[in-house]
Amino acid sequence: MIQPALIKKQRLTLYVLLTLIIITIVIGMGMGSASLSYNRLMATFLGKGTLKEEFILFSIRLPRILITLLAGMALSLSGAIFQGVTRNDLADPGMLGINAGAGVAITIFFLFFPIHSGAFAMILPLVAFVGALITACIIYLFSYHRGEGIQPARMVLVGVGCSTALSGLMIILISSSERMKVDFIAKWLSGSIWGADWPFILAILPWLMILIPLTLYKANQLNILGLSEPMAIGVGISLERERIQLLLTSVALAASAVSVTGGISFIGLIAPHMAKAMIGPRNQLFIPIAVLIGGWFLLFADTVGRHMVEPNGIPAGIMVALIGAPYFLYLLVKKS
């Protein structure tokens, strides 16, 4: 039974995070090189602005804000699942090679297959999912030991190796490509929020609407998987089946996010840790907090990065890495 004090603390934390998200959204809607002052923001949002103001808000800024928020939520939830399944606090879809697998699939699709602009936004998350799924299967096979099942520590090591190999493969693929296509892949690699348009929001939203409730439904299984394999088997959980289902969920979340934001790491590592520090390790409590932290963190990084250096700013992936790398080192020192 969850203590009422913990539930109250969780709700208070969720309210604070929602407030931070709203404040960051408002700041992001009013910031930029094009003129859209804060005193005109509400009127424009209600449809009473000029044609130029409505174009700036609804066609440029708001789609980018929403896609960044959704992608951060997906990446943080993916990281929380990976950490629960592998029982490793340093697990993250970016470090394990899942993001790199999605990136290779997107690179191959973009370089060698004809692209129809109308279907591009909807197809891209599926392409990324296929690449991420193949990578996850390879990692799973090399991490599996007959008689012992999957070995979480080995899984992380294999994932890091796959990530390095896939990043090298991506560089080989783009080394002899056209300049325009190379520019796109380079932007993807840097973690630039390039899919900032309404079709991409419609493409990623169904994945989150299905997979977030599914993960919360599976939260108790994640709690048990995080303890030990004998205990999980003892309470009647089908260990490998639950692991596979949860890993597929995590892969789908990561793939849907990176297909529109590019290669962004550390969100899936940082957000679950912060949430656990706030509310404890029980998945029912910390997963909603981790989702909001991930969404706000990527939104904050993109908002700051866009206006730090003129004219194009710093990609969100680089901003996240600048913050995430020191935190990762802190976790390594803490674990050692």
C-alpha atoms as a PDB file:
ATOM      1  CA  MET A   1       0.000   0.000   0.000  1.00  0.00           C
ATOM      2  CA  ILE A   2       1.322   3.430  -0.948  1.00  0.00           C
ATOM      3  CA  GLN A   3       1.501   5.854   1.973  1.00  0.00           C
ATOM      4  CA  PRO A   4      -0.846   8.882   1.687  1.00  0.00           C
ATOM      5  CA  ALA A   5       2.083  11.211   2.405  1.00  0.00           C
ATOM      6  CA  LEU A   6       3.924   9.900  -0.677  1.00  0.00           C
ATOM      7  CA  ILE A   7       0.845  10.355  -2.855  1.00  0.00           C
ATOM      8  CA  LYS A   8       0.468  13.918  -1.588  1.00  0.00           C
ATOM      9  CA  LYS A   9       4.157  14.607  -2.268  1.00  0.00           C
ATOM     10  CA  GLN A  10       3.832  13.164  -5.781  1.00  0.00           C
ATOM     11  CA  ARG A  11       0.834  15.364  -6.589  1.00  0.00           C
ATOM     12  CA  LEU A  12       2.607  18.463  -5.295  1.00  0.00           C
ATOM     13  CA  THR A  13       5.680  17.615  -7.419  1.00  0.00           C
ATOM     14  CA  LEU A  14       3.506  17.086 -10.492  1.00  0.00           C
ATOM     15  CA  TYR A  15       1.832  20.477  -9.981  1.00  0.00           C
ATOM     16  CA  VAL A  16       5.237  22.184  -9.677  1.00  0.00           C
ATOM     17  CA  LEU A  17       6.515  20.496 -12.839  1.00  0.00           C
ATOM     18  CA  LEU A  18       3.360  21.366 -14.787  1.00  0.00           C
ATOM     19  CA  THR A  19       3.793  24.980 -13.689  1.00  0.00           C
ATOM     20  CA  LEU A  20       7.425  24.947 -14.879  1.00  0.00           C
ATOM     21  CA  ILE A  21       6.345  23.500 -18.233  1.00  0.00           C
ATOM     22  CA  ILE A  22       3.653  26.167 -18.698  1.00  0.00           C
ATOM     23  CA  ILE A  23       6.094  28.968 -17.799  1.00  0.00           C
ATOM     24  CA  THR A  24       8.715  27.604 -20.219  1.00  0.00           C
ATOM     25  CA  ILE A  25       6.099  27.276 -22.987  1.00  0.00           C
ATOM     26  CA  VAL A  26       4.995  30.897 -22.521  1.00  0.00           C
ATOM     27  CA  ILE A  27       8.608  32.099 -22.541  1.00  0.00           C
ATOM     28  CA  GLY A  28       9.331  30.037 -25.658  1.00  0.00           C
ATOM     29  CA  MET A  29       6.279  31.375 -27.508  1.00  0.00           C
ATOM     30  CA  GLY A  30       7.391  34.959 -26.958  1.00  0.00           C
ATOM     31  CA  MET A  31      11.098  34.545 -27.710  1.00  0.00           C
ATOM     32  CA  GLY A  32      12.619  34.708 -31.171  1.00  0.00           C
ATOM     33  CA  SER A  33      14.016  36.933 -33.892  1.00  0.00           C
ATOM     34  CA  ALA A  34      10.566  37.590 -35.385  1.00  0.00           C
ATOM     35  CA  SER A  35       8.463  40.184 -33.627  1.00  0.00           C
ATOM     36  CA  LEU A  36       5.775  38.727 -31.384  1.00  0.00           C
ATOM     37  CA  SER A  37       5.705  40.604 -28.098  1.00  0.00           C
ATOM     38  CA  TYR A  38       4.354  39.094 -24.901  1.00  0.00           C
ATOM     39  CA  ASN A  39       1.543  41.635 -24.692  1.00  0.00           C
ATOM     40  CA  ARG A  40       0.283  40.336 -28.076  1.00  0.00           C
ATOM     41  CA  LEU A  41       0.738  36.674 -27.187  1.00  0.00           C
ATOM     42  CA  MET A  42      -2.656  35.987 -25.609  1.00  0.00           C
ATOM     43  CA  ALA A  43      -4.565  37.856 -28.322  1.00  0.00           C
ATOM     44  CA  THR A  44      -2.700  35.921 -31.020  1.00  0.00           C
ATOM     45  CA  PHE A  45      -3.278  32.628 -29.234  1.00  0.00           C
ATOM     46  CA  LEU A  46      -7.026  33.375 -29.151  1.00  0.00           C
ATOM     47  CA  GLY A  47      -7.037  34.082 -32.904  1.00  0.00           C
ATOM     48  CA  LYS A  48      -7.086  37.895 -32.684  1.00  0.00           C
ATOM     49  CA  GLY A  49      -3.550  38.536 -33.931  1.00  0.00           C
ATOM     50  CA  THR A  50      -2.364  39.677 -37.327  1.00  0.00           C
ATOM     51  CA  LEU A  51      -1.640  37.190 -40.090  1.00  0.00           C
ATOM     52  CA  LYS A  52       2.083  37.492 -39.423  1.00  0.00           C
ATOM     53  CA  GLU A  53       1.698  36.998 -35.671  1.00  0.00           C
ATOM     54  CA  GLU A  54      -0.505  33.923 -36.126  1.00  0.00           C
ATOM     55  CA  PHE A  55       1.954  32.441 -38.633  1.00  0.00           C
ATOM     56  CA  ILE A  56       4.883  32.933 -36.222  1.00  0.00           C
ATOM     57  CA  LEU A  57       3.014  31.392 -33.302  1.00  0.00           C
ATOM     58  CA  PHE A  58       1.031  28.557 -34.881  1.00  0.00           C
ATOM     59  CA  SER A  59       3.327  27.556 -37.745  1.00  0.00           C
ATOM     60  CA  ILE A  60       6.782  28.076 -36.241  1.00  0.00           C
ATOM     61  CA  ARG A  61       6.982  28.312 -32.467  1.00  0.00           C
ATOM     62  CA  LEU A  62       4.091  26.264 -31.081  1.00  0.00           C
ATOM     63  CA  PRO A  63       4.772  23.109 -33.167  1.00  0.00           C
ATOM     64  CA  ARG A  64       8.427  23.147 -32.112  1.00  0.00           C
ATOM     65  CA  ILE A  65       7.496  23.576 -28.456  1.00  0.00           C
ATOM     66  CA  LEU A  66       4.996  20.709 -28.531  1.00  0.00           C
ATOM     67  CA  ILE A  67       7.247  18.280 -30.441  1.00  0.00           C
ATOM     68  CA  THR A  68      10.102  19.005 -28.029  1.00  0.00           C
ATOM     69  CA  LEU A  69       7.875  18.449 -25.011  1.00  0.00           C
ATOM     70  CA  LEU A  70       6.487  15.161 -26.371  1.00  0.00           C
ATOM     71  CA  ALA A  71       9.913  13.850 -27.399  1.00  0.00           C
ATOM     72  CA  GLY A  72      11.377  14.611 -23.971  1.00  0.00           C
ATOM     73  CA  MET A  73       8.514  12.712 -22.337  1.00  0.00           C
ATOM     74  CA  ALA A  74       9.060   9.707 -24.607  1.00  0.00           C
ATOM     75  CA  LEU A  75      12.828   9.603 -24.026  1.00  0.00           C
ATOM     76  CA  SER A  76      12.514   9.872 -20.242  1.00  0.00           C
ATOM     77  CA  LEU A  77       9.927   7.083 -20.084  1.00  0.00           C
ATOM     78  CA  SER A  78      12.067   4.912 -22.355  1.00  0.00           C
ATOM     79  CA  GLY A  79      15.033   5.419 -20.022  1.00  0.00           C
ATOM     80  CA  ALA A  80      12.950   4.594 -16.943  1.00  0.00           C
ATOM     81  CA  ILE A  81      11.874   1.293 -18.515  1.00  0.00           C
ATOM     82  CA  PHE A  82      15.419   0.396 -19.555  1.00  0.00           C
ATOM     83  CA  GLN A  83      16.742   1.059 -16.069  1.00  0.00           C
ATOM     84  CA  GLY A  84      13.994  -1.071 -14.544  1.00  0.00           C
ATOM     85  CA  VAL A  85      14.441  -4.011 -16.914  1.00  0.00           C
ATOM     86  CA  THR A  86      18.253  -4.046 -16.809  1.00  0.00           C
ATOM     87  CA  ARG A  87      18.453  -3.174 -13.092  1.00  0.00           C
ATOM     88  CA  ASN A  88      21.182  -0.715 -14.059  1.00  0.00           C
ATOM     89  CA  ASP A  89      20.894   2.945 -13.068  1.00  0.00           C
ATOM     90  CA  LEU A  90      23.198   3.982 -15.921  1.00  0.00           C
ATOM     91  CA  ALA A  91      21.073   2.467 -18.696  1.00  0.00           C
ATOM     92  CA  ASP A  92      19.727   4.855 -21.334  1.00  0.00           C
ATOM     93  CA  PRO A  93      18.416   4.262 -24.890  1.00  0.00           C
ATOM     94  CA  GLY A  94      21.103   6.571 -26.249  1.00  0.00           C
ATOM     95  CA  MET A  95      23.952   4.769 -24.490  1.00  0.00           C
ATOM     96  CA  LEU A  96      22.602   1.301 -25.310  1.00  0.00           C
ATOM     97  CA  GLY A  97      22.596   1.963 -29.047  1.00  0.00           C
ATOM     98  CA  ILE A  98      18.824   2.131 -29.526  1.00  0.00           C
ATOM     99  CA  ASN A  99      18.966   5.736 -30.719  1.00  0.00           C
ATOM    100  CA  ALA A 100      21.891   4.904 -33.012  1.00  0.00           C
ATOM    101  CA  GLY A 101      19.948   1.978 -34.515  1.00  0.00           C
ATOM    102  CA  ALA A 102      17.016   4.278 -35.227  1.00  0.00           C
ATOM    103  CA  GLY A 103      19.449   6.801 -36.706  1.00  0.00           C
ATOM    104  CA  VAL A 104      20.999   4.273 -39.110  1.00  0.00           C
ATOM    105  CA  ALA A 105      17.531   3.222 -40.309  1.00  0.00           C
ATOM    106  CA  ILE A 106      16.535   6.866 -40.873  1.00  0.00           C
ATOM    107  CA  THR A 107      19.821   7.522 -42.694  1.00  0.00           C
ATOM    108  CA  ILE A 108      19.343   4.566 -45.047  1.00  0.00           C
ATOM    109  CA  PHE A 109      15.722   5.515 -45.667  1.00  0.00           C
ATOM    110  CA  PHE A 110      16.562   9.156 -46.320  1.00  0.00           C
ATOM    111  CA  LEU A 111      19.560   8.449 -48.584  1.00  0.00           C
ATOM    112  CA  PHE A 112      18.330   5.531 -50.688  1.00  0.00           C
ATOM    113  CA  PHE A 113      14.532   5.516 -50.784  1.00  0.00           C
ATOM    114  CA  PRO A 114      12.227   7.942 -52.602  1.00  0.00           C
ATOM    115  CA  ILE A 115      10.408  10.176 -50.131  1.00  0.00           C
ATOM    116  CA  HIS A 116       6.855  11.402 -50.592  1.00  0.00           C
ATOM    117  CA  SER A 117       6.468  14.578 -48.573  1.00  0.00           C
ATOM    118  CA  GLY A 118       2.891  13.844 -47.493  1.00  0.00           C
ATOM    119  CA  ALA A 119       3.724  10.462 -45.925  1.00  0.00           C
ATOM    120  CA  PHE A 120       7.220  11.318 -44.658  1.00  0.00           C
ATOM    121  CA  ALA A 121       6.163  12.382 -41.159  1.00  0.00           C
ATOM    122  CA  MET A 122       4.070   9.252 -40.564  1.00  0.00           C
ATOM    123  CA  ILE A 123       6.573   6.791 -42.038  1.00  0.00           C
ATOM    124  CA  LEU A 124       9.636   8.109 -40.220  1.00  0.00           C
ATOM    125  CA  PRO A 125       8.717   6.837 -36.692  1.00  0.00           C
ATOM    126  CA  LEU A 126       8.014   3.388 -38.189  1.00  0.00           C
ATOM    127  CA  VAL A 127      11.366   3.367 -39.979  1.00  0.00           C
ATOM    128  CA  ALA A 128      13.100   4.434 -36.772  1.00  0.00           C
ATOM    129  CA  PHE A 129      11.245   1.726 -34.830  1.00  0.00           C
ATOM    130  CA  VAL A 130      12.393  -0.984 -37.261  1.00  0.00           C
ATOM    131  CA  GLY A 131      16.022   0.135 -36.931  1.00  0.00           C
ATOM    132  CA  ALA A 132      15.789   0.399 -33.150  1.00  0.00           C
ATOM    133  CA  LEU A 133      14.045  -2.993 -32.922  1.00  0.00           C
ATOM    134  CA  ILE A 134      16.742  -4.747 -34.978  1.00  0.00           C
ATOM    135  CA  THR A 135      19.380  -3.181 -32.733  1.00  0.00           C
ATOM    136  CA  ALA A 136      17.483  -4.239 -29.598  1.00  0.00           C
ATOM    137  CA  CYS A 137      17.199  -7.813 -30.909  1.00  0.00           C
ATOM    138  CA  ILE A 138      20.962  -7.959 -31.550  1.00  0.00           C
ATOM    139  CA  ILE A 139      21.678  -6.613 -28.061  1.00  0.00           C
ATOM    140  CA  TYR A 140      19.203  -9.069 -26.536  1.00  0.00           C
ATOM    141  CA  LEU A 141      20.700 -12.081 -28.359  1.00  0.00           C
ATOM    142  CA  PHE A 142      24.255 -11.247 -27.324  1.00  0.00           C
ATOM    143  CA  SER A 143      23.124 -10.588 -23.744  1.00  0.00           C
ATOM    144  CA  TYR A 144      21.190 -13.835 -23.395  1.00  0.00           C
ATOM    145  CA  HIS A 145      22.780 -16.843 -21.721  1.00  0.00           C
ATOM    146  CA  ARG A 146      21.084 -20.232 -21.842  1.00  0.00           C
ATOM    147  CA  GLY A 147      20.053 -21.313 -18.374  1.00  0.00           C
ATOM    148  CA  GLU A 148      20.504 -17.847 -16.892  1.00  0.00           C
ATOM    149  CA  GLY A 149      18.397 -15.745 -19.242  1.00  0.00           C
ATOM    150  CA  ILE A 150      19.334 -12.166 -20.041  1.00  0.00           C
ATOM    151  CA  GLN A 151      22.255 -10.683 -18.116  1.00  0.00           C
ATOM    152  CA  PRO A 152      21.626  -6.980 -17.417  1.00  0.00           C
ATOM    153  CA  ALA A 153      25.289  -6.003 -16.990  1.00  0.00           C
ATOM    154  CA  ARG A 154      26.243  -7.747 -20.219  1.00  0.00           C
ATOM    155  CA  MET A 155      23.323  -6.071 -21.955  1.00  0.00           C
ATOM    156  CA  VAL A 156      24.678  -2.611 -21.133  1.00  0.00           C
ATOM    157  CA  LEU A 157      28.175  -3.503 -22.370  1.00  0.00           C
ATOM    158  CA  VAL A 158      26.842  -4.965 -25.618  1.00  0.00           C
ATOM    159  CA  GLY A 159      24.643  -1.896 -26.073  1.00  0.00           C
ATOM    160  CA  VAL A 160      27.574   0.495 -25.728  1.00  0.00           C
ATOM    161  CA  GLY A 161      29.512  -1.530 -28.299  1.00  0.00           C
ATOM    162  CA  CYS A 162      26.560  -1.503 -30.720  1.00  0.00           C
ATOM    163  CA  SER A 163      26.154   2.248 -30.285  1.00  0.00           C
ATOM    164  CA  THR A 164      29.791   2.854 -31.244  1.00  0.00           C
ATOM    165  CA  ALA A 165      29.613   0.519 -34.247  1.00  0.00           C
ATOM    166  CA  LEU A 166      26.349   2.023 -35.532  1.00  0.00           C
ATOM    167  CA  SER A 167      27.659   5.574 -35.186  1.00  0.00           C
ATOM    168  CA  GLY A 168      30.632   4.557 -37.341  1.00  0.00           C
ATOM    169  CA  LEU A 169      28.304   2.947 -39.893  1.00  0.00           C
ATOM    170  CA  MET A 170      26.264   6.149 -40.084  1.00  0.00           C
ATOM    171  CA  ILE A 171      29.385   8.181 -40.853  1.00  0.00           C
ATOM    172  CA  ILE A 172      30.326   5.738 -43.623  1.00  0.00           C
ATOM    173  CA  LEU A 173      26.845   5.991 -45.141  1.00  0.00           C
ATOM    174  CA  ILE A 174      26.885   9.774 -45.349  1.00  0.00           C
ATOM    175  CA  SER A 175      30.536  10.140 -46.413  1.00  0.00           C
ATOM    176  CA  SER A 176      29.748   9.834 -50.140  1.00  0.00           C
ATOM    177  CA  SER A 177      26.241  11.325 -50.206  1.00  0.00           C
ATOM    178  CA  GLU A 178      24.870  14.564 -51.625  1.00  0.00           C
ATOM    179  CA  ARG A 179      25.596  17.747 -49.704  1.00  0.00           C
ATOM    180  CA  MET A 180      21.923  18.480 -48.980  1.00  0.00           C
ATOM    181  CA  LYS A 181      21.305  15.020 -47.557  1.00  0.00           C
ATOM    182  CA  VAL A 182      24.526  15.120 -45.559  1.00  0.00           C
ATOM    183  CA  ASP A 183      23.401  18.409 -44.005  1.00  0.00           C
ATOM    184  CA  PHE A 184      20.141  16.809 -42.924  1.00  0.00           C
ATOM    185  CA  ILE A 185      21.862  13.785 -41.335  1.00  0.00           C
ATOM    186  CA  ALA A 186      24.422  16.049 -39.644  1.00  0.00           C
ATOM    187  CA  LYS A 187      21.561  18.066 -38.174  1.00  0.00           C
ATOM    188  CA  TRP A 188      19.941  14.820 -36.997  1.00  0.00           C
ATOM    189  CA  LEU A 189      23.185  13.644 -35.360  1.00  0.00           C
ATOM    190  CA  SER A 190      23.565  16.904 -33.443  1.00  0.00           C
ATOM    191  CA  GLY A 191      20.087  16.537 -31.918  1.00  0.00           C
ATOM    192  CA  SER A 192      18.530  19.499 -33.668  1.00  0.00           C
ATOM    193  CA  ILE A 193      14.734  19.615 -33.384  1.00  0.00           C
ATOM    194  CA  TRP A 194      14.110  19.414 -37.125  1.00  0.00           C
ATOM    195  CA  GLY A 195      10.597  17.855 -37.183  1.00  0.00           C
ATOM    196  CA  ALA A 196       8.952  21.025 -35.882  1.00  0.00           C
ATOM    197  CA  ASP A 197       5.669  20.859 -37.760  1.00  0.00           C
ATOM    198  CA  TRP A 198       2.123  19.691 -37.025  1.00  0.00           C
ATOM    199  CA  PRO A 199       2.321  16.427 -39.067  1.00  0.00           C
ATOM    200  CA  PHE A 200       5.221  15.266 -36.897  1.00  0.00           C
ATOM    201  CA  ILE A 201       3.212  15.999 -33.751  1.00  0.00           C
ATOM    202  CA  LEU A 202       0.374  13.879 -35.125  1.00  0.00           C
ATOM    203  CA  ALA A 203       2.919  11.156 -35.923  1.00  0.00           C
ATOM    204  CA  ILE A 204       4.453  10.931 -32.424  1.00  0.00           C
ATOM    205  CA  LEU A 205       1.330  11.605 -30.327  1.00  0.00           C
ATOM    206  CA  PRO A 206      -0.403   8.189 -30.838  1.00  0.00           C
ATOM    207  CA  TRP A 207       2.723   6.375 -29.645  1.00  0.00           C
ATOM    208  CA  LEU A 208       2.678   8.307 -26.380  1.00  0.00           C
ATOM    209  CA  MET A 209      -1.088   8.027 -25.916  1.00  0.00           C
ATOM    210  CA  ILE A 210      -0.813   4.220 -26.105  1.00  0.00           C
ATOM    211  CA  LEU A 211       2.553   3.507 -24.484  1.00  0.00           C
ATOM    212  CA  ILE A 212       2.416   5.820 -21.433  1.00  0.00           C
ATOM    213  CA  PRO A 213      -0.788   4.196 -20.042  1.00  0.00           C
ATOM    214  CA  LEU A 214       0.605   0.754 -20.932  1.00  0.00           C
ATOM    215  CA  THR A 215       3.786   1.442 -18.966  1.00  0.00           C
ATOM    216  CA  LEU A 216       1.828   2.689 -15.957  1.00  0.00           C
ATOM    217  CA  TYR A 217      -0.278  -0.483 -16.160  1.00  0.00           C
ATOM    218  CA  LYS A 218       2.954  -2.530 -16.141  1.00  0.00           C
ATOM    219  CA  ALA A 219       4.490  -0.474 -13.308  1.00  0.00           C
ATOM    220  CA  ASN A 220       4.076  -3.221 -10.711  1.00  0.00           C
ATOM    221  CA  GLN A 221       5.837  -5.737 -12.976  1.00  0.00           C
ATOM    222  CA  LEU A 222       8.681  -3.231 -13.323  1.00  0.00           C
ATOM    223  CA  ASN A 223       8.867  -2.968  -9.533  1.00  0.00           C
ATOM    224  CA  ILE A 224       9.264  -6.732  -9.230  1.00  0.00           C
ATOM    225  CA  LEU A 225      11.740  -6.997 -12.125  1.00  0.00           C
ATOM    226  CA  GLY A 226      13.867  -4.384 -10.401  1.00  0.00           C
ATOM    227  CA  LEU A 227      14.303  -6.549  -7.288  1.00  0.00           C
ATOM    228  CA  SER A 228      15.722  -9.903  -8.381  1.00  0.00           C
ATOM    229  CA  GLU A 229      15.034 -12.703 -10.859  1.00  0.00           C
ATOM    230  CA  PRO A 230      14.271 -15.388  -8.214  1.00  0.00           C
ATOM    231  CA  MET A 231      11.753 -13.092  -6.523  1.00  0.00           C
ATOM    232  CA  ALA A 232      10.108 -12.255  -9.854  1.00  0.00           C
ATOM    233  CA  ILE A 233       9.788 -15.950 -10.709  1.00  0.00           C
ATOM    234  CA  GLY A 234       8.580 -16.697  -7.180  1.00  0.00           C
ATOM    235  CA  VAL A 235       5.588 -14.351  -7.461  1.00  0.00           C
ATOM    236  CA  GLY A 236       4.558 -15.929 -10.755  1.00  0.00           C
ATOM    237  CA  ILE A 237       5.872 -13.421 -13.303  1.00  0.00           C
ATOM    238  CA  SER A 238       6.880 -14.743 -16.719  1.00  0.00           C
ATOM    239  CA  LEU A 239      10.299 -13.133 -16.654  1.00  0.00           C
ATOM    240  CA  GLU A 240      11.328 -13.218 -20.306  1.00  0.00           C
ATOM    241  CA  ARG A 241       7.855 -12.341 -21.610  1.00  0.00           C
ATOM    242  CA  GLU A 242       7.587  -9.268 -19.382  1.00  0.00           C
ATOM    243  CA  ARG A 243      11.101  -8.179 -20.266  1.00  0.00           C
ATOM    244  CA  ILE A 244      10.445  -8.476 -23.982  1.00  0.00           C
ATOM    245  CA  GLN A 245       7.146  -6.560 -23.759  1.00  0.00           C
ATOM    246  CA  LEU A 246       8.703  -3.766 -21.713  1.00  0.00           C
ATOM    247  CA  LEU A 247      11.792  -3.571 -23.931  1.00  0.00           C
ATOM    248  CA  LEU A 248       9.568  -3.304 -27.019  1.00  0.00           C
ATOM    249  CA  THR A 249       7.695  -0.466 -25.322  1.00  0.00           C
ATOM    250  CA  SER A 250      10.941   1.292 -24.485  1.00  0.00           C
ATOM    251  CA  VAL A 251      12.307   0.840 -28.018  1.00  0.00           C
ATOM    252  CA  ALA A 252       9.095   2.219 -29.555  1.00  0.00           C
ATOM    253  CA  LEU A 253       9.177   5.296 -27.291  1.00  0.00           C
ATOM    254  CA  ALA A 254      12.830   6.048 -28.041  1.00  0.00           C
ATOM    255  CA  ALA A 255      12.395   5.509 -31.790  1.00  0.00           C
ATOM    256  CA  SER A 256       9.334   7.743 -32.039  1.00  0.00           C
ATOM    257  CA  ALA A 257      11.183  10.527 -30.215  1.00  0.00           C
ATOM    258  CA  VAL A 258      14.526  10.456 -32.025  1.00  0.00           C
ATOM    259  CA  SER A 259      12.813  10.209 -35.426  1.00  0.00           C
ATOM    260  CA  VAL A 260      11.812  13.868 -35.080  1.00  0.00           C
ATOM    261  CA  THR A 261      14.419  15.263 -32.683  1.00  0.00           C
ATOM    262  CA  GLY A 262      17.589  13.491 -33.763  1.00  0.00           C
ATOM    263  CA  GLY A 263      20.233  11.808 -31.659  1.00  0.00           C
ATOM    264  CA  ILE A 264      19.516  13.108 -28.164  1.00  0.00           C
ATOM    265  CA  SER A 265      21.007  11.246 -25.211  1.00  0.00           C
ATOM    266  CA  PHE A 266      21.020  11.679 -21.419  1.00  0.00           C
ATOM    267  CA  ILE A 267      17.306  12.605 -21.122  1.00  0.00           C
ATOM    268  CA  GLY A 268      16.483   8.958 -20.433  1.00  0.00           C
ATOM    269  CA  LEU A 269      19.288   8.812 -17.899  1.00  0.00           C
ATOM    270  CA  ILE A 270      18.735  12.053 -16.001  1.00  0.00           C
ATOM    271  CA  ALA A 271      14.934  12.271 -15.732  1.00  0.00           C
ATOM    272  CA  PRO A 272      14.315   8.890 -13.993  1.00  0.00           C
ATOM    273  CA  HIS A 273      17.145   9.569 -11.519  1.00  0.00           C
ATOM    274  CA  MET A 274      15.763  12.973 -10.601  1.00  0.00           C
ATOM    275  CA  ALA A 275      12.270  11.524 -10.197  1.00  0.00           C
ATOM    276  CA  LYS A 276      13.524   8.710  -7.940  1.00  0.00           C
ATOM    277  CA  ALA A 277      15.435  11.219  -5.828  1.00  0.00           C
ATOM    278  CA  MET A 278      12.210  13.223  -5.373  1.00  0.00           C
ATOM    279  CA  ILE A 279       9.681  10.481  -4.676  1.00  0.00           C
ATOM    280  CA  GLY A 280      11.449   7.131  -4.294  1.00  0.00           C
ATOM    281  CA  PRO A 281      11.974   4.053  -6.509  1.00  0.00           C
ATOM    282  CA  ARG A 282       8.373   2.834  -6.817  1.00  0.00           C
ATOM    283  CA  ASN A 283       7.472   3.007 -10.523  1.00  0.00           C
ATOM    284  CA  GLN A 284       3.823   3.983  -9.991  1.00  0.00           C
ATOM    285  CA  LEU A 285       5.028   7.142  -8.251  1.00  0.00           C
ATOM    286  CA  PHE A 286       8.173   8.219 -10.074  1.00  0.00           C
ATOM    287  CA  ILE A 287       7.266   7.424 -13.725  1.00  0.00           C
ATOM    288  CA  PRO A 288       4.723  10.302 -14.094  1.00  0.00           C
ATOM    289  CA  ILE A 289       7.260  12.663 -12.522  1.00  0.00           C
ATOM    290  CA  ALA A 290      10.059  11.383 -14.783  1.00  0.00           C
ATOM    291  CA  VAL A 291       7.862  11.917 -17.852  1.00  0.00           C
ATOM    292  CA  LEU A 292       7.244  15.571 -16.924  1.00  0.00           C
ATOM    293  CA  ILE A 293      10.892  16.160 -15.985  1.00  0.00           C
ATOM    294  CA  GLY A 294      12.031  14.767 -19.347  1.00  0.00           C
ATOM    295  CA  GLY A 295       9.549  16.888 -21.270  1.00  0.00           C
ATOM    296  CA  TRP A 296      10.445  20.057 -19.385  1.00  0.00           C
ATOM    297  CA  PHE A 297      14.191  19.428 -19.516  1.00  0.00           C
ATOM    298  CA  LEU A 298      14.321  19.014 -23.305  1.00  0.00           C
ATOM    299  CA  LEU A 299      11.977  21.972 -23.762  1.00  0.00           C
ATOM    300  CA  PHE A 300      14.172  24.120 -21.504  1.00  0.00           C
ATOM    301  CA  ALA A 301      17.376  23.016 -23.280  1.00  0.00           C
ATOM    302  CA  ASP A 302      15.921  23.801 -26.706  1.00  0.00           C
ATOM    303  CA  THR A 303      14.507  27.166 -25.588  1.00  0.00           C
ATOM    304  CA  VAL A 304      17.844  28.260 -24.130  1.00  0.00           C
ATOM    305  CA  GLY A 305      19.927  26.813 -26.963  1.00  0.00           C
ATOM    306  CA  ARG A 306      17.899  28.473 -29.718  1.00  0.00           C
ATOM    307  CA  HIS A 307      18.691  31.958 -28.417  1.00  0.00           C
ATOM    308  CA  MET A 308      22.208  31.468 -27.089  1.00  0.00           C
ATOM    309  CA  VAL A 309      24.088  31.863 -30.386  1.00  0.00           C
ATOM    310  CA  GLU A 310      22.840  33.756 -33.421  1.00  0.00           C
ATOM    311  CA  PRO A 311      21.475  33.022 -35.962  1.00  0.00           C
ATOM    312  CA  ASN A 312      20.706  29.288 -35.623  1.00  0.00           C
ATOM    313  CA  GLY A 313      21.442  28.710 -31.946  1.00  0.00           C
ATOM    314  CA  ILE A 314      22.846  25.557 -30.328  1.00  0.00           C
ATOM    315  CA  PRO A 315      21.066  22.242 -31.079  1.00  0.00           C
ATOM    316  CA  ALA A 316      19.044  20.826 -28.194  1.00  0.00           C
ATOM    317  CA  GLY A 317      21.073  17.603 -28.260  1.00  0.00           C
ATOM    318  CA  ILE A 318      24.285  19.520 -27.587  1.00  0.00           C
ATOM    319  CA  MET A 319      22.663  21.557 -24.810  1.00  0.00           C
ATOM    320  CA  VAL A 320      21.374  18.361 -23.170  1.00  0.00           C
ATOM    321  CA  ALA A 321      24.834  16.780 -23.455  1.00  0.00           C
ATOM    322  CA  LEU A 322      26.476  19.833 -21.872  1.00  0.00           C
ATOM    323  CA  ILE A 323      24.213  19.389 -18.847  1.00  0.00           C
ATOM    324  CA  GLY A 324      23.921  15.602 -18.956  1.00  0.00           C
ATOM    325  CA  ALA A 325      27.608  14.678 -19.250  1.00  0.00           C
ATOM    326  CA  PRO A 326      28.595  16.151 -15.846  1.00  0.00           C
ATOM    327  CA  TYR A 327      25.557  14.503 -14.282  1.00  0.00           C
ATOM    328  CA  PHE A 328      26.575  11.179 -15.853  1.00  0.00           C
ATOM    329  CA  LEU A 329      30.072  11.533 -14.375  1.00  0.00           C
ATOM    330  CA  TYR A 330      28.494  12.299 -11.004  1.00  0.00           C
ATOM    331  CA  LEU A 331      26.470   9.084 -11.214  1.00  0.00           C
ATOM    332  CA  LEU A 332      29.576   7.086 -12.151  1.00  0.00           C
ATOM    333  CA  VAL A 333      31.451   8.437  -9.135  1.00  0.00           C
ATOM    334  CA  LYS A 334      28.458   7.788  -6.907  1.00  0.00           C
ATOM    335  CA  LYS A 335      28.136   4.201  -8.148  1.00  0.00           C
ATOM    336  CA  SER A 336      31.855   3.401  -7.787  1.00  0.00           C
END
